[in-house]
């Protein structure tokens, strides 16, 4: 069964027409959709990789589970020289992200992070890794498998520098995980904090400090719990070494949202920041002379009757005074 499945995937990767119902289902699942599948990441080792490189790839794969595949064997591909080999692997496995770790004499600890669009390279960045600490050094309780992490970016440079914006987009795709429609507060048990230095020295590369925490909810005496952060790893620092920006036309095509995926706009209905729906009602011009407003006061008949009663009481009182 495994050989049959691999052969079907090979045929589909080569662009041949599917001959079985299973192959057609697989080809349809790989095709474009209005709402795309969750992004899967491919973790691969370079031709030369140290124990630290292998440990970082393994930790990132554990963080990404189950939306990731880790190849433990070495690969001779050089992404900045020839990306065709990685494109074929991503096309075959239907992965849109790749993370490659390598080490050499010139670049001792490197991590390449890239994205695919239409099974072709969109953009990628190569980072120099420093101060790496593996997960097993913290010896803390691990987070749940497949949970939705909270990703926090600290630093104004993420909004001003184009290099920081590109790195923010890549790192967000790597750590964000699945995209559920609704999130339960108790289901968020981890947070990834990515910080940067706003005022960099001239001639230095942008640097990012990455920390991962486990969220512990404690009683606070109110509806909102008290949150305690416990670092669980991995912890490392990234510096941008090389970068390949996307083509402008392909970048616009990648950001284009199909009409079927756009939310249908309902007139006069808005949603505020808290997720509450608010509606507006348009009322035409009102003529208060024609509006029936009897409930706001006495009618003419009752008012005349009341005046008659008051006048009768006055006459009775005047007769009583005259008789005395």
Protein backbone atom coordinates (compact mmCIF):
# COMPACT_ATOMS: atom_id res chain seq x y z
CA UNK A 1 0.00 0.00 0.00
CA UNK A 2 2.86 2.38 0.82
CA UNK A 3 4.55 1.72 -2.55
CA UNK A 4 1.27 2.29 -4.39
CA UNK A 5 0.73 5.58 -2.58
CA UNK A 6 4.25 6.79 -3.33
CA UNK A 7 3.92 5.87 -7.01
CA UNK A 8 0.67 7.83 -7.30
CA UNK A 9 2.31 10.84 -5.74
CA UNK A 10 5.27 10.59 -8.08
CA UNK A 11 2.97 10.54 -11.11
CA UNK A 12 1.04 13.53 -9.86
CA UNK A 13 4.23 15.42 -9.08
CA UNK A 14 5.38 14.90 -12.67
CA UNK A 15 2.15 16.43 -13.94
CA UNK A 16 0.63 13.27 -15.40
CA UNK A 17 -3.11 12.76 -15.49
CA UNK A 18 -4.58 10.69 -12.64
CA UNK A 19 -5.97 7.31 -13.69
CA UNK A 20 -7.68 6.27 -10.46
CA UNK A 21 -10.24 7.84 -8.16
CA UNK A 22 -7.65 8.01 -5.43
CA UNK A 23 -5.28 9.90 -7.67
CA UNK A 24 -8.01 12.32 -8.71
CA UNK A 25 -8.85 13.02 -5.06
CA UNK A 26 -5.19 13.66 -4.28
CA UNK A 27 -4.81 15.94 -7.31
CA UNK A 28 -7.95 17.86 -6.36
CA UNK A 29 -6.66 18.29 -2.81
CA UNK A 30 -3.41 19.72 -4.16
CA UNK A 31 -5.16 22.08 -6.56
CA UNK A 32 -6.05 25.70 -5.83
CA UNK A 33 -8.91 26.37 -3.42
CA UNK A 34 -10.84 29.40 -2.30
CA UNK A 35 -9.87 28.55 1.30
CA UNK A 36 -6.42 26.95 1.26
CA UNK A 37 -5.32 24.07 3.45
CA UNK A 38 -3.16 24.86 6.51
CA UNK A 39 0.44 25.50 5.52
CA UNK A 40 2.73 22.52 6.04
CA UNK A 41 6.47 22.93 6.60
CA UNK A 42 9.32 20.75 5.33
CA UNK A 43 12.38 20.49 7.61
CA UNK A 44 15.53 19.22 5.88
CA UNK A 45 19.23 18.94 6.69
CA UNK A 46 21.94 20.30 4.45
CA UNK A 47 24.91 18.40 3.10
CA UNK A 48 26.77 19.19 6.33
CA UNK A 49 24.98 19.73 9.62
CA UNK A 50 26.21 19.80 13.21
CA UNK A 51 24.44 18.50 16.30
CA UNK A 52 23.15 22.00 17.06
CA UNK A 53 21.63 22.27 13.57
CA UNK A 54 19.94 18.89 13.95
CA UNK A 55 18.65 19.82 17.39
CA UNK A 56 17.20 23.14 16.19
CA UNK A 57 15.44 21.49 13.24
CA UNK A 58 14.04 18.80 15.53
CA UNK A 59 12.77 21.40 18.03
CA UNK A 60 11.16 23.51 15.31
CA UNK A 61 9.53 20.40 13.88
CA UNK A 62 8.11 19.53 17.32
CA UNK A 63 6.72 23.06 17.62
CA UNK A 64 5.17 22.80 14.14
CA UNK A 65 3.62 19.34 14.63
CA UNK A 66 1.42 17.97 13.11
CA UNK A 67 1.80 20.43 10.20
CA UNK A 68 5.35 19.45 9.32
CA UNK A 69 7.65 16.77 7.90
CA UNK A 70 11.25 16.21 9.03
CA UNK A 71 13.77 14.53 6.73
CA UNK A 72 16.64 13.21 8.83
CA UNK A 73 18.92 12.34 5.90
CA UNK A 74 21.24 14.89 4.33
CA UNK A 75 20.41 16.83 1.17
CA UNK A 76 23.02 18.45 -1.08
CA UNK A 77 20.71 21.26 -2.24
CA UNK A 78 21.91 24.88 -2.04
CA UNK A 79 18.75 27.05 -2.01
CA UNK A 80 20.45 30.28 -3.11
CA UNK A 81 22.20 28.53 -6.00
CA UNK A 82 19.62 25.98 -7.18
CA UNK A 83 16.13 25.76 -5.68
CA UNK A 84 14.70 23.19 -8.11
CA UNK A 85 15.36 20.21 -5.82
CA UNK A 86 13.48 21.75 -2.88
CA UNK A 87 10.66 22.83 -5.18
CA UNK A 88 10.21 19.23 -6.35
CA UNK A 89 10.08 17.95 -2.77
CA UNK A 90 7.54 20.59 -1.73
CA UNK A 91 5.45 19.85 -4.83
CA UNK A 92 5.53 16.11 -4.17
CA UNK A 93 4.56 16.42 -0.49
CA UNK A 94 2.24 19.43 -0.93
CA UNK A 95 4.24 21.67 1.43
CA UNK A 96 4.32 25.44 1.11
CA UNK A 97 7.08 26.17 3.67
CA UNK A 98 10.60 24.82 3.98
CA UNK A 99 13.24 25.18 6.67
CA UNK A 100 16.77 24.01 5.91
CA UNK A 101 19.64 23.87 8.39
CA UNK A 102 23.31 23.53 7.49
CA UNK A 103 26.79 24.22 8.79
CA UNK A 104 30.09 24.87 7.00
CA UNK A 105 33.43 26.47 7.67
CA UNK A 106 32.30 29.78 6.17
CA UNK A 107 28.78 29.61 7.60
CA UNK A 108 28.93 27.46 10.76
CA UNK A 109 25.28 27.61 11.87
CA UNK A 110 22.76 28.67 9.23
CA UNK A 111 18.99 28.38 8.88
CA UNK A 112 17.18 29.03 5.59
CA UNK A 113 13.46 29.76 5.75
CA UNK A 114 11.40 30.08 2.55
CA UNK A 115 7.90 29.93 1.09
CA UNK A 116 6.34 28.51 -2.05
CA UNK A 117 3.59 29.87 -4.24
CA UNK A 118 2.15 27.70 -6.98
CA UNK A 119 4.89 25.16 -6.13
CA UNK A 120 7.60 27.68 -7.01
CA UNK A 121 9.83 29.72 -4.74
CA UNK A 122 8.23 32.96 -3.56
CA UNK A 123 10.78 34.37 -1.09
CA UNK A 124 13.36 33.19 1.44
CA UNK A 125 15.86 34.43 3.98
CA UNK A 126 19.02 32.91 5.43
CA UNK A 127 19.78 33.51 9.11
CA UNK A 128 22.86 33.18 11.28
CA UNK A 129 21.86 31.33 14.46
CA UNK A 130 23.37 32.31 17.81
CA UNK A 131 22.91 31.40 21.49
CA UNK A 132 20.82 28.32 20.78
CA UNK A 133 19.39 26.41 23.75
CA UNK A 134 17.46 23.22 23.08
CA UNK A 135 14.13 22.26 24.58
CA UNK A 136 15.62 19.45 26.68
CA UNK A 137 17.73 21.98 28.65
CA UNK A 138 14.66 23.61 30.18
CA UNK A 139 13.09 20.37 31.50
CA UNK A 140 9.62 21.86 31.70
CA UNK A 141 6.20 20.45 30.95
CA UNK A 142 5.55 20.52 27.20
CA UNK A 143 2.57 22.12 25.49
CA UNK A 144 -0.25 20.21 23.84
CA UNK A 145 0.30 18.82 20.36
CA UNK A 146 -1.33 20.94 17.65
CA UNK A 147 -2.33 23.78 19.99
CA UNK A 148 -2.66 27.33 18.67
CA UNK A 149 0.30 29.46 19.84
CA UNK A 150 0.17 33.17 20.52
CA UNK A 151 2.83 34.94 18.41
CA UNK A 152 4.01 38.33 19.71
CA UNK A 153 6.39 40.69 17.83
CA UNK A 154 8.14 43.35 19.92
CA UNK A 155 9.88 46.27 18.28
CA UNK A 156 8.91 49.20 16.07
CA UNK A 157 11.31 48.00 13.37
CA UNK A 158 8.83 45.28 12.39
CA UNK A 159 6.60 48.06 11.03
CA UNK A 160 9.22 50.32 9.45
CA UNK A 161 12.02 48.20 7.95
CA UNK A 162 11.35 46.14 4.83
CA UNK A 163 13.80 43.43 5.97
CA UNK A 164 12.04 43.18 9.32
CA UNK A 165 8.64 43.03 7.61
CA UNK A 166 9.81 40.13 5.41
CA UNK A 167 11.26 38.30 8.41
CA UNK A 168 8.08 38.91 10.40
CA UNK A 169 5.95 37.42 7.63
CA UNK A 170 8.17 34.32 7.34
CA UNK A 171 8.42 33.72 11.09
CA UNK A 172 4.68 34.21 11.51
CA UNK A 173 3.97 31.53 8.90
CA UNK A 174 6.42 29.21 10.67
CA UNK A 175 5.09 29.59 14.23
CA UNK A 176 1.42 30.51 13.68
CA UNK A 177 0.16 26.95 13.20
CA UNK A 178 -3.45 26.16 12.24
CA UNK A 179 -6.12 28.82 11.70
CA UNK A 180 -9.29 27.81 13.58
CA UNK A 181 -12.49 29.81 13.29
CA UNK A 182 -12.89 30.08 17.07
CA UNK A 183 -10.32 29.83 19.87
CA UNK A 184 -10.99 28.71 23.44
CA UNK A 185 -9.00 30.58 26.08
CA UNK A 186 -7.95 27.37 27.84
CA UNK A 187 -6.75 25.97 24.51
CA UNK A 188 -4.01 28.61 24.16
CA UNK A 189 -1.17 27.12 26.19
CA UNK A 190 1.93 28.55 24.46
CA UNK A 191 3.33 31.89 23.31
CA UNK A 192 6.21 32.71 20.97
CA UNK A 193 7.81 36.11 21.62
CA UNK A 194 10.03 37.56 18.86
CA UNK A 195 11.89 40.74 19.80
CA UNK A 196 14.20 43.03 17.87
CA UNK A 197 16.39 46.03 18.59
CA UNK A 198 15.00 49.22 17.07
CA UNK A 199 18.21 51.27 17.14
CA UNK A 200 20.79 49.14 15.33
CA UNK A 201 24.39 50.04 14.89
CA UNK A 202 25.38 50.93 11.31
CA UNK A 203 26.82 48.03 9.37
CA UNK A 204 25.13 45.32 11.46
CA UNK A 205 22.48 42.84 10.28
CA UNK A 206 18.94 42.81 11.71
CA UNK A 207 18.78 40.55 14.75
CA UNK A 208 15.79 38.73 16.29
CA UNK A 209 15.53 37.16 19.75
CA UNK A 210 13.08 34.25 19.88
CA UNK A 211 11.64 32.85 23.13
CA UNK A 212 8.88 30.30 23.64
CA UNK A 213 6.74 30.15 26.79
CA UNK A 214 4.03 27.96 28.26
CA UNK A 215 0.94 29.82 29.48
CA UNK A 216 -0.25 28.85 32.96
CA UNK A 217 -3.69 30.14 33.98
CA UNK A 218 -4.18 30.70 37.72
CA UNK A 219 -7.15 31.91 39.71
CA UNK A 220 -7.41 35.66 40.06
CA UNK A 221 -10.79 36.16 41.74
CA UNK A 222 -12.38 37.44 38.53
CA UNK A 223 -13.52 36.07 35.19
CA UNK A 224 -10.10 36.64 33.60
CA UNK A 225 -7.37 34.34 34.98
CA UNK A 226 -3.91 35.37 36.10
CA UNK A 227 -1.36 34.36 33.43
CA UNK A 228 2.09 33.06 34.35
CA UNK A 229 4.80 32.56 31.70
CA UNK A 230 7.17 29.59 31.94
CA UNK A 231 9.92 29.32 29.32
CA UNK A 232 9.99 25.91 27.63
CA UNK A 233 12.34 26.52 24.68
CA UNK A 234 13.75 26.54 22.17
CA UNK A 235 15.64 29.81 22.68
CA UNK A 236 17.84 31.26 19.95
CA UNK A 237 18.89 34.42 18.13
CA UNK A 238 18.68 35.05 14.40
CA UNK A 239 20.61 37.48 12.24
CA UNK A 240 19.70 38.03 8.59
CA UNK A 241 22.59 36.96 6.36
CA UNK A 242 21.11 36.67 2.85
CA UNK A 243 17.67 37.37 1.44
CA UNK A 244 15.79 36.81 -1.81
CA UNK A 245 12.75 39.02 -2.24
CA UNK A 246 9.78 37.94 -4.38
CA UNK A 247 8.89 39.25 -7.79
CA UNK A 248 6.38 42.07 -7.54
CA UNK A 249 3.79 40.45 -9.84
CA UNK A 250 4.03 37.06 -8.11
CA UNK A 251 3.78 38.75 -4.71
CA UNK A 252 0.57 40.52 -5.77
CA UNK A 253 -0.81 37.23 -7.10
CA UNK A 254 0.02 35.50 -3.81
CA UNK A 255 -1.79 38.18 -1.80
CA UNK A 256 -4.86 38.21 -4.03
CA UNK A 257 -8.01 36.96 -2.28
CA UNK A 258 -10.53 35.10 -4.48
CA UNK A 259 -14.11 36.33 -4.55
CA UNK A 260 -15.41 33.07 -3.07
CA UNK A 261 -13.23 33.55 0.03
CA UNK A 262 -14.29 37.14 0.67
CA UNK A 263 -16.88 37.69 3.35
CA UNK A 264 -20.23 38.81 2.06
CA UNK A 265 -20.88 42.38 3.16
CA UNK A 266 -24.23 42.94 4.85
CA UNK A 267 -25.51 46.48 4.53
CA UNK A 268 -25.91 48.54 7.71
CA UNK A 269 -24.30 45.80 9.86
CA UNK A 270 -20.88 46.36 11.41
CA UNK A 271 -18.73 44.41 13.84
CA UNK A 272 -16.80 46.23 16.54
CA UNK A 273 -13.41 45.29 17.99
CA UNK A 274 -15.02 43.00 20.56
CA UNK A 275 -16.78 40.96 17.86
CA UNK A 276 -20.28 42.31 18.60
CA UNK A 277 -22.61 43.04 15.70
CA UNK A 278 -24.18 46.46 15.47
CA UNK A 279 -26.91 47.41 13.03
CA UNK A 280 -28.19 50.75 11.75
CA UNK A 281 -31.83 51.50 10.94
CA UNK A 282 -32.59 54.34 8.54
CA UNK A 283 -35.87 56.15 9.25
CA UNK A 284 -37.47 58.54 6.76
CA UNK A 285 -38.52 62.14 7.40
CA UNK A 286 -41.15 62.32 10.10
CA UNK A 287 -44.10 64.74 10.14
CA UNK A 288 -45.01 65.16 13.79
CA UNK A 289 -48.35 66.81 12.92
CA UNK A 290 -49.59 63.56 11.40
CA UNK A 291 -48.11 61.23 14.04
CA UNK A 292 -50.61 59.81 16.52
CA UNK A 293 -49.24 61.00 19.86
CA UNK A 294 -52.33 60.60 22.07
CA UNK A 295 -50.37 58.55 24.59
CA UNK A 296 -48.18 61.58 25.31
CA UNK A 297 -51.06 63.60 26.88
CA UNK A 298 -54.84 64.01 27.33
CA UNK A 299 -57.17 63.98 24.36
CA UNK A 300 -59.35 67.00 23.59
CA UNK A 301 -62.49 65.27 24.87
CA UNK A 302 -60.95 64.28 28.20
CA UNK A 303 -59.39 67.71 28.56
CA UNK A 304 -62.79 69.42 28.05
CA UNK A 305 -64.40 67.04 30.53
CA UNK A 306 -61.75 67.82 33.11
CA UNK A 307 -62.30 71.56 32.60
CA UNK A 308 -66.07 71.11 33.07
CA UNK A 309 -65.50 69.22 36.33
CA UNK A 310 -63.22 71.91 37.63
CA UNK A 311 -65.69 74.65 36.67
CA UNK A 312 -68.56 72.75 38.39
CA UNK A 313 -66.51 72.42 41.57
CA UNK A 314 -65.83 76.16 41.53
CA UNK A 315 -69.59 76.94 41.15
CA UNK A 316 -70.45 74.64 44.03
CA UNK A 317 -67.80 76.25 46.18
CA UNK A 318 -69.04 79.77 45.27
CA UNK A 319 -72.67 78.86 46.19
CA UNK A 320 -71.52 77.50 49.52
CA UNK A 321 -69.73 80.76 50.27
CA UNK A 322 -72.81 82.83 49.33
CA UNK A 323 -75.13 80.80 51.56
CA UNK A 324 -72.87 81.37 54.52
